Amino acid sequence: MKPTKFKPATFLRSRDQFISNFDDLFNKVLETSFPEIVSDFGVNLTKHSYPKVDVIDNIDNIQIIAEIPGYGKEDINIEYENCSLTVSGASRNDKEENTVTYLYRELKRSSFSRSFGVDENTLNVKDISAKFENGILNIEIPKIVKEESSKKQTISIQ
């Protein structure tokens, strides 16, 4: 009996769609169960699942660290608009699709985009900075420093 030939690209596309939908569902459940994550950190974790990220709440900033192996700094774009920070990347084509046959394919080569909701009341979006080195993207969004009123104050009498 001759083995059935399958098309890896078709299989991977449907696998990616399944994983993305599953990640979106997981993120919605997480946000519903722990809504304080969004309000405390000012970062909305929904949307797509690639690149994978760590979101860290530091004393003076929110840090987003993303692993984007195989891409160069020139392939990555970071934009902020309307309370949304978007990290996107151009597709990479290592080899012409018509000249090779993949037997198994796990490396991500398609373009990507991932967005994060940003709370402008707690984060200073004008001073967002980013560094990219060795496949690691590090984005820092400074927190807005609010002057705390002192406990003692003198009230003038008129």
Protein backbone atom coordinates (compact mmCIF):
# COMPACT_ATOMS: atom_id res chain seq x y z
CA MET A 1 0.00 0.00 0.00
CA LYS A 2 1.38 3.37 -1.02
CA PRO A 3 1.45 5.99 1.78
CA THR A 4 -0.85 8.97 1.37
CA LYS A 5 0.98 12.13 0.49
CA PHE A 6 -0.02 15.13 2.55
CA LYS A 7 0.69 18.77 1.94
CA PRO A 8 2.67 20.11 4.92
CA ALA A 9 1.90 23.76 4.16
CA THR A 10 -1.87 23.06 4.30
CA PHE A 11 -1.50 21.06 7.51
CA LEU A 12 0.58 23.80 9.16
CA ARG A 13 -1.79 26.56 8.13
CA SER A 14 -4.75 24.80 9.77
CA ARG A 15 -2.59 24.00 12.83
CA ASP A 16 -1.61 27.67 13.17
CA GLN A 17 -5.24 28.74 12.88
CA PHE A 18 -6.21 26.26 15.61
CA ILE A 19 -3.39 27.40 17.92
CA SER A 20 -4.19 31.11 17.36
CA ASN A 21 -7.87 30.53 18.13
CA PHE A 22 -6.98 28.52 21.22
CA ASP A 23 -4.59 31.25 22.43
CA ASP A 24 -7.26 33.91 21.89
CA LEU A 25 -9.75 31.85 23.91
CA PHE A 26 -7.20 31.30 26.69
CA ASN A 27 -6.43 35.04 26.84
CA LYS A 28 -10.15 35.89 27.07
CA VAL A 29 -10.62 33.40 29.93
CA LEU A 30 -7.54 34.83 31.69
CA GLU A 31 -8.80 38.40 31.36
CA THR A 32 -12.29 37.43 32.53
CA SER A 33 -10.92 35.56 35.54
CA PHE A 34 -8.23 38.15 36.40
CA PRO A 35 -9.45 41.56 35.14
CA GLU A 36 -7.04 43.32 37.48
CA ILE A 37 -4.18 42.40 35.12
CA VAL A 38 -5.45 44.92 32.57
CA SER A 39 -6.31 47.64 35.09
CA ASP A 40 -3.16 47.24 37.19
CA PHE A 41 -0.66 47.05 34.34
CA GLY A 42 -2.44 49.11 31.69
CA VAL A 43 -1.65 46.46 29.08
CA ASN A 44 -4.28 44.36 27.33
CA LEU A 45 -3.00 40.84 26.63
CA THR A 46 -5.51 39.73 23.98
CA LYS A 47 -4.93 39.45 20.24
CA HIS A 48 -2.54 37.11 18.48
CA SER A 49 -0.14 34.70 20.06
CA TYR A 50 3.07 35.44 18.14
CA PRO A 51 5.52 36.63 19.07
CA LYS A 52 5.42 35.18 22.57
CA VAL A 53 5.99 37.88 25.17
CA ASP A 54 6.68 38.55 28.83
CA VAL A 55 4.99 41.65 30.23
CA ILE A 56 6.75 42.91 33.35
CA ASP A 57 5.53 45.56 35.80
CA ASN A 58 8.65 47.37 37.05
CA ILE A 59 8.64 50.24 39.54
CA ASP A 60 8.99 52.93 36.89
CA ASN A 61 7.87 51.24 33.65
CA ILE A 62 6.06 48.41 31.92
CA GLN A 63 8.40 46.19 29.95
CA ILE A 64 7.39 43.97 27.03
CA ILE A 65 9.99 41.39 26.04
CA ALA A 66 9.36 39.43 22.84
CA GLU A 67 11.31 36.58 21.31
CA ILE A 68 11.51 37.08 17.54
CA PRO A 69 14.25 34.73 16.32
CA GLY A 70 15.50 34.89 12.77
CA TYR A 71 14.28 38.42 12.10
CA GLY A 72 16.50 41.46 11.81
CA LYS A 73 15.84 44.87 13.32
CA GLU A 74 14.93 46.15 9.86
CA ASP A 75 12.16 43.49 9.56
CA ILE A 76 10.32 44.65 12.69
CA ASN A 77 7.97 47.59 13.02
CA ILE A 78 6.59 49.09 16.26
CA GLU A 79 3.72 51.58 16.09
CA TYR A 80 1.60 53.33 18.68
CA GLU A 81 -1.81 54.71 17.77
CA ASN A 82 -5.11 55.20 19.61
CA CYS A 83 -4.09 53.44 22.84
CA SER A 84 -2.71 50.44 20.93
CA LEU A 85 0.95 49.41 20.66
CA THR A 86 1.49 47.08 17.70
CA VAL A 87 4.57 44.98 16.98
CA SER A 88 4.66 43.59 13.45
CA GLY A 89 7.14 41.92 11.16
CA ALA A 90 7.55 41.28 7.47
CA SER A 91 7.44 37.76 6.12
CA ARG A 92 10.74 35.97 5.61
CA ASN A 93 11.37 33.77 2.62
CA ASP A 94 14.52 31.74 3.06
CA LYS A 95 13.97 29.72 -0.09
CA GLU A 96 11.65 29.91 -3.02
CA GLU A 97 8.54 27.89 -2.22
CA ASN A 98 8.46 26.39 -5.73
CA THR A 99 12.01 25.02 -5.63
CA VAL A 100 11.82 23.04 -2.40
CA THR A 101 9.48 20.56 -0.77
CA TYR A 102 9.22 20.75 2.99
CA LEU A 103 8.77 17.40 4.69
CA TYR A 104 8.20 19.07 8.05
CA ARG A 105 8.03 22.77 8.84
CA GLU A 106 7.92 24.44 12.26
CA LEU A 107 9.91 27.64 11.77
CA LYS A 108 7.71 30.71 11.49
CA ARG A 109 8.20 32.48 8.18
CA SER A 110 4.98 34.41 7.75
CA SER A 111 4.42 38.02 8.65
CA PHE A 112 3.08 38.69 12.14
CA SER A 113 1.34 41.39 14.12
CA ARG A 114 0.55 41.58 17.81
CA SER A 115 -1.16 44.47 19.58
CA PHE A 116 -1.31 45.58 23.19
CA GLY A 117 -3.85 47.98 24.66
CA VAL A 118 -2.07 50.76 26.56
CA ASP A 119 -3.63 52.94 29.25
CA GLU A 120 -2.55 56.52 28.55
CA ASN A 121 -3.63 57.57 32.05
CA THR A 122 -0.94 55.45 33.71
CA LEU A 123 1.72 55.11 31.00
CA ASN A 124 3.78 57.79 29.24
CA VAL A 125 3.34 56.82 25.60
CA LYS A 126 5.47 59.72 24.35
CA ASP A 127 8.62 58.11 25.78
CA ILE A 128 8.24 54.50 24.57
CA SER A 129 11.64 53.01 23.76
CA ALA A 130 12.71 49.75 22.13
CA LYS A 131 15.89 47.73 21.67
CA PHE A 132 16.42 44.64 19.52
CA GLU A 133 19.39 42.35 20.04
CA ASN A 134 19.98 38.64 19.34
CA GLY A 135 16.33 38.00 18.47
CA ILE A 136 14.99 39.63 21.65
CA LEU A 137 12.84 42.77 21.39
CA ASN A 138 12.68 44.82 24.58
CA ILE A 139 10.05 47.58 24.72
CA GLU A 140 9.81 49.91 27.72
CA ILE A 141 6.84 52.16 28.44
CA PRO A 142 7.52 54.56 31.33
CA LYS A 143 4.85 55.01 33.97
CA ILE A 144 3.46 58.47 34.55
CA VAL A 145 4.88 59.79 37.79
CA LYS A 146 2.13 61.32 39.86
CA GLU A 147 3.16 63.65 42.61
CA GLU A 148 1.79 62.40 45.87
CA SER A 149 0.24 65.04 48.01
CA SER A 150 1.76 65.31 51.45
CA LYS A 151 -0.35 64.22 54.36
CA LYS A 152 -0.05 67.60 56.01
CA GLN A 153 -1.17 70.74 54.26
CA THR A 154 -1.92 74.24 55.37
CA ILE A 155 -5.21 75.72 54.35
CA SER A 156 -5.40 79.47 53.98
CA ILE A 157 -8.33 81.32 55.52
CA GLN A 158 -10.03 83.98 53.41
